[in-house]
Amino acid sequence: MKTPLEDPIGDTRHFELLSVSLHAEGHHDPLVALPLPGSPFALKEGAEIRVTLTFRLGKPVEGLKFVDVRERQGVVVATNEVMLGCYRPGGPYEVVLPPERLPSGHLARDTYQVKGTFVDADGHVLGYGNHCFRITKEWPEQACGV
């Protein structure tokens, strides 16, 4: 996935999002590389997941943070902000976000829309990515390697 370099929102000329991948407990390979075109991908309720971000920079960036906003049925249900640090021009840089446990239970099983945004210390948006996932009772067969 590449952040559009000509995007008029924010200064994206100096930032390129190379990949976003999702790793889940019990799976050795990345579960999914984001974004996926089409329908949302399935995740098992209560699973512990880690997101890996790979990006390249064209200028020094101080105070880079990743903000992820999750919506369910049009309502914001979670906002996570992770400080990534300061980076020199170059890369690619790979950052693994802290692990998180997905919600579980009947009410948690739904489709979630996620917008991840990279913001510098001055509040400038450098890049972003969107995807959606569905929390299910069990792992789908293809995710288990069956």
N, C-alpha and C. Protein backbone atom coordinates (compact mmCIF):
# COMPACT_ATOMS: atom_id res chain seq x y z
N MET A 1 0.85 -1.17 0.00
CA MET A 1 0.00 0.00 0.00
C MET A 1 0.89 1.22 0.00
N LYS A 2 0.61 2.17 -0.85
CA LYS A 2 1.37 3.40 -0.91
C LYS A 2 0.46 4.57 -0.61
N THR A 3 0.96 5.48 0.19
CA THR A 3 0.22 6.69 0.46
C THR A 3 0.31 7.56 -0.78
N PRO A 4 -0.81 8.11 -1.24
CA PRO A 4 -0.76 8.94 -2.44
C PRO A 4 0.11 10.17 -2.21
N LEU A 5 1.18 10.30 -3.00
CA LEU A 5 2.12 11.40 -2.80
C LEU A 5 1.56 12.73 -3.26
N GLU A 6 0.52 12.71 -4.10
CA GLU A 6 -0.04 13.96 -4.59
C GLU A 6 -1.29 14.37 -3.81
N ASP A 7 -1.57 13.70 -2.70
CA ASP A 7 -2.78 13.97 -1.93
C ASP A 7 -2.77 15.39 -1.38
N PRO A 8 -3.83 16.17 -1.59
CA PRO A 8 -3.85 17.56 -1.13
C PRO A 8 -4.04 17.70 0.38
N ILE A 9 -4.46 16.65 1.06
CA ILE A 9 -4.68 16.73 2.51
C ILE A 9 -3.38 16.39 3.21
N GLY A 10 -2.78 17.34 3.90
CA GLY A 10 -1.54 17.08 4.61
C GLY A 10 -0.35 17.12 3.65
N ASP A 11 0.84 17.03 4.22
CA ASP A 11 2.06 17.07 3.43
C ASP A 11 2.58 15.65 3.28
N THR A 12 2.12 14.94 2.26
CA THR A 12 2.49 13.54 2.09
C THR A 12 3.66 13.36 1.15
N ARG A 13 4.27 14.45 0.65
CA ARG A 13 5.38 14.31 -0.29
C ARG A 13 6.60 13.67 0.35
N HIS A 14 6.70 13.72 1.66
CA HIS A 14 7.88 13.22 2.34
C HIS A 14 7.61 11.94 3.12
N PHE A 15 6.51 11.30 2.86
CA PHE A 15 6.13 10.08 3.58
C PHE A 15 5.56 9.06 2.62
N GLU A 16 5.98 7.81 2.77
CA GLU A 16 5.42 6.75 1.95
C GLU A 16 5.16 5.53 2.85
N LEU A 17 3.92 5.14 2.95
CA LEU A 17 3.54 3.95 3.70
C LEU A 17 3.72 2.76 2.78
N LEU A 18 4.68 1.90 3.09
CA LEU A 18 5.00 0.77 2.23
C LEU A 18 4.12 -0.43 2.50
N SER A 19 3.86 -0.72 3.78
CA SER A 19 2.99 -1.86 4.09
C SER A 19 2.45 -1.77 5.50
N VAL A 20 1.34 -2.43 5.69
CA VAL A 20 0.72 -2.62 7.01
C VAL A 20 0.36 -4.09 7.07
N SER A 21 0.85 -4.79 8.08
CA SER A 21 0.51 -6.20 8.19
C SER A 21 0.01 -6.50 9.59
N LEU A 22 -0.81 -7.52 9.68
CA LEU A 22 -1.46 -7.91 10.92
C LEU A 22 -0.99 -9.30 11.31
N HIS A 23 -0.53 -9.45 12.54
CA HIS A 23 -0.07 -10.73 13.05
C HIS A 23 -0.97 -11.11 14.23
N ALA A 24 -1.34 -12.37 14.30
CA ALA A 24 -2.20 -12.83 15.39
C ALA A 24 -1.51 -13.97 16.13
N GLU A 25 -1.83 -14.10 17.42
CA GLU A 25 -1.24 -15.16 18.22
C GLU A 25 -1.55 -16.52 17.58
N GLY A 26 -0.54 -17.39 17.57
CA GLY A 26 -0.74 -18.71 17.01
C GLY A 26 -0.53 -18.80 15.51
N HIS A 27 -0.24 -17.68 14.86
CA HIS A 27 0.01 -17.65 13.41
C HIS A 27 1.43 -17.14 13.21
N HIS A 28 2.28 -17.93 12.54
CA HIS A 28 3.68 -17.54 12.36
C HIS A 28 3.85 -16.52 11.25
N ASP A 29 3.10 -16.65 10.18
CA ASP A 29 3.17 -15.71 9.07
C ASP A 29 2.18 -14.58 9.33
N PRO A 30 2.39 -13.44 8.66
CA PRO A 30 1.39 -12.38 8.81
C PRO A 30 0.02 -12.90 8.41
N LEU A 31 -0.96 -12.59 9.21
CA LEU A 31 -2.32 -13.03 8.96
C LEU A 31 -2.88 -12.36 7.72
N VAL A 32 -2.58 -11.08 7.58
CA VAL A 32 -3.11 -10.33 6.44
C VAL A 32 -2.23 -9.11 6.20
N ALA A 33 -2.03 -8.79 4.93
CA ALA A 33 -1.37 -7.55 4.56
C ALA A 33 -2.47 -6.57 4.18
N LEU A 34 -2.42 -5.38 4.71
CA LEU A 34 -3.48 -4.41 4.51
C LEU A 34 -3.08 -3.39 3.46
N PRO A 35 -3.99 -2.74 2.80
CA PRO A 35 -5.42 -2.97 2.86
C PRO A 35 -5.82 -4.07 1.88
N LEU A 36 -6.91 -4.67 2.16
CA LEU A 36 -7.48 -5.68 1.27
C LEU A 36 -8.63 -5.07 0.50
N PRO A 37 -8.62 -5.20 -0.81
CA PRO A 37 -9.76 -4.68 -1.56
C PRO A 37 -10.99 -5.55 -1.32
N GLY A 38 -12.14 -4.95 -1.36
CA GLY A 38 -13.37 -5.72 -1.20
C GLY A 38 -13.84 -5.82 0.23
N SER A 39 -14.30 -7.00 0.60
CA SER A 39 -14.94 -7.19 1.89
C SER A 39 -13.95 -7.22 3.04
N PRO A 40 -14.43 -7.01 4.27
CA PRO A 40 -13.54 -7.01 5.44
C PRO A 40 -12.97 -8.39 5.70
N PHE A 41 -11.80 -8.43 6.33
CA PHE A 41 -11.20 -9.70 6.71
C PHE A 41 -11.68 -10.08 8.11
N ALA A 42 -11.65 -11.37 8.41
CA ALA A 42 -12.20 -11.87 9.68
C ALA A 42 -11.10 -12.09 10.71
N LEU A 43 -11.40 -11.72 11.95
CA LEU A 43 -10.53 -11.95 13.10
C LEU A 43 -11.34 -12.62 14.19
N LYS A 44 -10.72 -13.55 14.89
CA LYS A 44 -11.40 -14.27 15.97
C LYS A 44 -11.54 -13.38 17.19
N GLU A 45 -12.72 -13.41 17.79
CA GLU A 45 -12.96 -12.63 19.00
C GLU A 45 -11.95 -13.03 20.08
N GLY A 46 -11.48 -12.05 20.84
CA GLY A 46 -10.56 -12.30 21.94
C GLY A 46 -9.12 -12.57 21.53
N ALA A 47 -8.81 -12.59 20.23
CA ALA A 47 -7.45 -12.87 19.78
C ALA A 47 -6.53 -11.69 20.12
N GLU A 48 -5.27 -12.01 20.36
CA GLU A 48 -4.27 -10.96 20.55
C GLU A 48 -3.62 -10.69 19.21
N ILE A 49 -3.62 -9.43 18.79
CA ILE A 49 -3.07 -9.08 17.49
C ILE A 49 -1.97 -8.02 17.65
N ARG A 50 -1.07 -7.98 16.66
CA ARG A 50 -0.02 -6.96 16.57
C ARG A 50 -0.02 -6.43 15.14
N VAL A 51 0.15 -5.14 15.01
CA VAL A 51 0.19 -4.51 13.69
C VAL A 51 1.62 -4.06 13.43
N THR A 52 2.12 -4.35 12.22
CA THR A 52 3.46 -3.92 11.81
C THR A 52 3.31 -2.90 10.69
N LEU A 53 3.96 -1.75 10.87
CA LEU A 53 3.92 -0.66 9.90
C LEU A 53 5.31 -0.51 9.27
N THR A 54 5.36 -0.40 7.96
CA THR A 54 6.62 -0.18 7.26
C THR A 54 6.46 1.08 6.42
N PHE A 55 7.40 2.02 6.59
CA PHE A 55 7.29 3.29 5.90
C PHE A 55 8.68 3.83 5.56
N ARG A 56 8.68 4.83 4.69
CA ARG A 56 9.91 5.50 4.27
C ARG A 56 9.67 7.00 4.38
N LEU A 57 10.72 7.75 4.73
CA LEU A 57 10.60 9.20 4.90
C LEU A 57 11.55 9.94 3.98
N GLY A 58 11.11 11.09 3.49
CA GLY A 58 11.93 11.93 2.62
C GLY A 58 12.51 13.13 3.34
N LYS A 59 12.17 13.30 4.61
CA LYS A 59 12.72 14.40 5.41
C LYS A 59 12.71 13.95 6.87
N PRO A 60 13.47 14.62 7.74
CA PRO A 60 13.45 14.24 9.16
C PRO A 60 12.06 14.52 9.75
N VAL A 61 11.63 13.63 10.63
CA VAL A 61 10.32 13.79 11.27
C VAL A 61 10.51 13.61 12.77
N GLU A 62 10.03 14.59 13.52
CA GLU A 62 10.10 14.51 14.98
C GLU A 62 8.70 14.26 15.53
N GLY A 63 8.64 13.45 16.57
CA GLY A 63 7.38 13.20 17.25
C GLY A 63 6.34 12.50 16.41
N LEU A 64 6.78 11.56 15.58
CA LEU A 64 5.83 10.83 14.74
C LEU A 64 4.94 9.95 15.61
N LYS A 65 3.64 10.03 15.37
CA LYS A 65 2.71 9.16 16.09
C LYS A 65 1.71 8.56 15.11
N PHE A 66 1.16 7.43 15.50
CA PHE A 66 0.16 6.73 14.71
C PHE A 66 -1.14 6.76 15.50
N VAL A 67 -2.18 7.31 14.88
CA VAL A 67 -3.50 7.42 15.52
C VAL A 67 -4.46 6.53 14.75
N ASP A 68 -5.12 5.63 15.45
CA ASP A 68 -6.05 4.72 14.80
C ASP A 68 -7.43 4.91 15.42
N VAL A 69 -8.40 5.24 14.56
CA VAL A 69 -9.78 5.48 14.99
C VAL A 69 -10.64 4.35 14.45
N ARG A 70 -11.38 3.68 15.34
CA ARG A 70 -12.24 2.56 14.94
C ARG A 70 -13.70 2.92 15.10
N GLU A 71 -14.46 2.60 14.07
CA GLU A 71 -15.90 2.84 14.10
C GLU A 71 -16.64 1.53 13.92
N ARG A 72 -17.76 1.46 14.58
CA ARG A 72 -18.67 0.32 14.45
C ARG A 72 -20.06 0.89 14.22
N GLN A 73 -20.67 0.55 13.11
CA GLN A 73 -21.99 1.05 12.74
C GLN A 73 -22.04 2.57 12.79
N GLY A 74 -20.94 3.22 12.33
CA GLY A 74 -20.89 4.67 12.24
C GLY A 74 -20.57 5.39 13.52
N VAL A 75 -20.33 4.66 14.62
CA VAL A 75 -20.03 5.28 15.91
C VAL A 75 -18.59 4.96 16.28
N VAL A 76 -17.82 5.98 16.69
CA VAL A 76 -16.44 5.76 17.11
C VAL A 76 -16.45 4.97 18.42
N VAL A 77 -15.81 3.79 18.40
CA VAL A 77 -15.78 2.94 19.58
C VAL A 77 -14.40 2.90 20.23
N ALA A 78 -13.37 3.32 19.51
CA ALA A 78 -12.03 3.33 20.09
C ALA A 78 -11.12 4.26 19.31
N THR A 79 -10.22 4.91 20.03
CA THR A 79 -9.16 5.71 19.44
C THR A 79 -7.88 5.35 20.16
N ASN A 80 -6.87 4.93 19.40
CA ASN A 80 -5.58 4.57 19.97
C ASN A 80 -4.52 5.47 19.37
N GLU A 81 -3.63 5.94 20.22
CA GLU A 81 -2.54 6.81 19.77
C GLU A 81 -1.23 6.21 20.27
N VAL A 82 -0.30 5.93 19.34
CA VAL A 82 0.98 5.33 19.70
C VAL A 82 2.10 6.24 19.21
N MET A 83 2.96 6.66 20.14
CA MET A 83 4.10 7.49 19.78
C MET A 83 5.16 6.59 19.15
N LEU A 84 5.60 6.93 17.94
CA LEU A 84 6.58 6.13 17.22
C LEU A 84 7.99 6.68 17.38
N GLY A 85 8.13 7.99 17.59
CA GLY A 85 9.45 8.57 17.82
C GLY A 85 9.89 9.51 16.73
N CYS A 86 11.22 9.73 16.67
CA CYS A 86 11.83 10.63 15.71
C CYS A 86 12.62 9.81 14.69
N TYR A 87 12.59 10.24 13.42
CA TYR A 87 13.22 9.47 12.35
C TYR A 87 13.99 10.39 11.42
N ARG A 88 15.12 9.89 10.89
CA ARG A 88 15.90 10.58 9.86
C ARG A 88 15.30 10.23 8.51
N PRO A 89 15.64 10.99 7.48
CA PRO A 89 15.17 10.62 6.14
C PRO A 89 15.72 9.25 5.76
N GLY A 90 14.96 8.51 4.99
CA GLY A 90 15.40 7.18 4.56
C GLY A 90 14.42 6.12 4.95
N GLY A 91 14.96 4.95 5.18
CA GLY A 91 14.13 3.82 5.51
C GLY A 91 14.40 2.71 4.53
N PRO A 92 13.64 1.70 4.50
CA PRO A 92 12.34 1.61 5.18
C PRO A 92 12.49 1.35 6.68
N TYR A 93 11.59 1.93 7.42
CA TYR A 93 11.49 1.73 8.86
C TYR A 93 10.34 0.77 9.12
N GLU A 94 10.54 -0.16 10.04
CA GLU A 94 9.48 -1.11 10.42
C GLU A 94 9.21 -0.96 11.90
N VAL A 95 7.96 -0.72 12.25
CA VAL A 95 7.55 -0.52 13.63
C VAL A 95 6.45 -1.51 13.96
N VAL A 96 6.61 -2.24 15.08
CA VAL A 96 5.58 -3.16 15.54
C VAL A 96 4.84 -2.46 16.68
N LEU A 97 3.55 -2.27 16.51
CA LEU A 97 2.74 -1.61 17.54
C LEU A 97 2.52 -2.56 18.71
N PRO A 98 2.23 -2.03 19.89
CA PRO A 98 1.98 -2.89 21.05
C PRO A 98 0.82 -3.85 20.77
N PRO A 99 0.90 -5.07 21.33
CA PRO A 99 -0.19 -6.03 21.10
C PRO A 99 -1.49 -5.56 21.76
N GLU A 100 -2.58 -5.99 21.18
CA GLU A 100 -3.88 -5.67 21.76
C GLU A 100 -4.80 -6.88 21.67
N ARG A 101 -5.69 -6.99 22.62
CA ARG A 101 -6.65 -8.09 22.65
C ARG A 101 -7.96 -7.57 22.08
N LEU A 102 -8.50 -8.30 21.09
CA LEU A 102 -9.78 -7.92 20.49
C LEU A 102 -10.92 -8.19 21.47
N PRO A 103 -11.99 -7.42 21.38
CA PRO A 103 -13.13 -7.68 22.27
C PRO A 103 -13.75 -9.05 21.95
N SER A 104 -14.46 -9.59 22.91
CA SER A 104 -15.11 -10.89 22.69
C SER A 104 -16.55 -10.83 23.19
N GLY A 105 -17.30 -11.81 22.77
CA GLY A 105 -18.70 -11.88 23.15
C GLY A 105 -19.61 -11.57 21.97
N HIS A 106 -20.85 -11.94 22.13
CA HIS A 106 -21.83 -11.79 21.05
C HIS A 106 -21.93 -10.34 20.54
N LEU A 107 -21.92 -9.38 21.45
CA LEU A 107 -22.09 -7.98 21.06
C LEU A 107 -20.87 -7.42 20.32
N ALA A 108 -19.71 -8.02 20.50
CA ALA A 108 -18.50 -7.54 19.83
C ALA A 108 -18.41 -8.02 18.39
N ARG A 109 -19.16 -9.06 18.04
CA ARG A 109 -19.11 -9.63 16.68
C ARG A 109 -19.83 -8.71 15.70
N ASP A 110 -19.02 -7.98 14.95
CA ASP A 110 -19.56 -7.00 14.01
C ASP A 110 -18.43 -6.58 13.08
N THR A 111 -18.70 -5.65 12.19
CA THR A 111 -17.70 -5.11 11.27
C THR A 111 -17.25 -3.75 11.79
N TYR A 112 -15.94 -3.55 11.77
CA TYR A 112 -15.32 -2.32 12.26
C TYR A 112 -14.56 -1.65 11.12
N GLN A 113 -14.69 -0.34 10.99
CA GLN A 113 -13.93 0.44 10.02
C GLN A 113 -12.80 1.12 10.79
N VAL A 114 -11.59 1.09 10.21
CA VAL A 114 -10.42 1.65 10.88
C VAL A 114 -9.75 2.66 9.96
N LYS A 115 -9.42 3.83 10.52
CA LYS A 115 -8.62 4.81 9.79
C LYS A 115 -7.37 5.07 10.62
N GLY A 116 -6.22 4.73 10.05
CA GLY A 116 -4.94 4.97 10.71
C GLY A 116 -4.29 6.18 10.09
N THR A 117 -3.79 7.09 10.93
CA THR A 117 -3.20 8.34 10.45
C THR A 117 -1.83 8.53 11.09
N PHE A 118 -0.84 8.94 10.29
CA PHE A 118 0.49 9.27 10.78
C PHE A 118 0.56 10.78 10.91
N VAL A 119 0.91 11.26 12.11
CA VAL A 119 0.92 12.69 12.40
C VAL A 119 2.27 13.04 13.04
N ASP A 120 2.86 14.19 12.63
CA ASP A 120 4.12 14.60 13.25
C ASP A 120 3.84 15.48 14.47
N ALA A 121 4.92 15.92 15.13
CA ALA A 121 4.79 16.69 16.37
C ALA A 121 4.06 18.01 16.18
N ASP A 122 4.09 18.55 14.96
CA ASP A 122 3.40 19.81 14.68
C ASP A 122 1.94 19.62 14.29
N GLY A 123 1.48 18.37 14.27
CA GLY A 123 0.10 18.10 13.93
C GLY A 123 -0.17 17.93 12.44
N HIS A 124 0.89 17.89 11.62
CA HIS A 124 0.71 17.70 10.18
C HIS A 124 0.46 16.22 9.87
N VAL A 125 -0.55 15.96 9.07
CA VAL A 125 -0.85 14.59 8.64
C VAL A 125 0.14 14.22 7.54
N LEU A 126 0.91 13.15 7.77
CA LEU A 126 1.91 12.71 6.80
C LEU A 126 1.38 11.60 5.89
N GLY A 127 0.49 10.78 6.40
CA GLY A 127 -0.06 9.68 5.62
C GLY A 127 -1.18 9.00 6.38
N TYR A 128 -1.90 8.14 5.68
CA TYR A 128 -3.01 7.45 6.31
C TYR A 128 -3.35 6.19 5.54
N GLY A 129 -4.13 5.33 6.15
CA GLY A 129 -4.61 4.11 5.52
C GLY A 129 -5.93 3.71 6.14
N ASN A 130 -6.80 3.11 5.33
CA ASN A 130 -8.11 2.66 5.81
C ASN A 130 -8.27 1.17 5.54
N HIS A 131 -8.95 0.49 6.42
CA HIS A 131 -9.32 -0.90 6.20
C HIS A 131 -10.50 -1.23 7.11
N CYS A 132 -11.07 -2.40 6.94
CA CYS A 132 -12.14 -2.83 7.84
C CYS A 132 -11.97 -4.31 8.14
N PHE A 133 -12.42 -4.71 9.32
CA PHE A 133 -12.36 -6.11 9.74
C PHE A 133 -13.65 -6.50 10.41
N ARG A 134 -13.87 -7.80 10.49
CA ARG A 134 -15.08 -8.35 11.10
C ARG A 134 -14.63 -9.29 12.22
N ILE A 135 -15.17 -9.12 13.41
CA ILE A 135 -14.89 -10.03 14.52
C ILE A 135 -15.87 -11.18 14.45
N THR A 136 -15.32 -12.41 14.44
CA THR A 136 -16.13 -13.62 14.33
C THR A 136 -15.87 -14.53 15.53
N LYS A 137 -16.73 -15.52 15.70
CA LYS A 137 -16.60 -16.46 16.82
C LYS A 137 -15.35 -17.33 16.70
N GLU A 138 -15.03 -17.77 15.47
CA GLU A 138 -13.87 -18.63 15.23
C GLU A 138 -13.03 -18.06 14.08
N TRP A 139 -11.79 -18.55 13.97
CA TRP A 139 -10.96 -18.17 12.83
C TRP A 139 -11.56 -18.76 11.57
N PRO A 140 -11.53 -18.01 10.47
CA PRO A 140 -11.96 -18.62 9.19
C PRO A 140 -10.95 -19.69 8.79
N GLU A 141 -11.39 -20.66 8.00
CA GLU A 141 -10.53 -21.79 7.65
C GLU A 141 -9.25 -21.38 6.97
N GLN A 142 -9.27 -20.40 6.04
CA GLN A 142 -8.06 -20.02 5.33
C GLN A 142 -7.02 -19.39 6.26
N ALA A 143 -7.45 -18.75 7.37
CA ALA A 143 -6.49 -18.15 8.29
C ALA A 143 -5.78 -19.20 9.12
N CYS A 144 -6.36 -20.40 9.22
CA CYS A 144 -5.75 -21.46 10.01
C CYS A 144 -4.84 -22.34 9.18
N GLY A 145 -4.73 -22.06 7.90
CA GLY A 145 -3.87 -22.85 7.04
C GLY A 145 -4.51 -24.17 6.63
N VAL A 146 -5.84 -24.30 6.78
CA VAL A 146 -6.54 -25.54 6.43
C VAL A 146 -6.84 -25.55 4.96
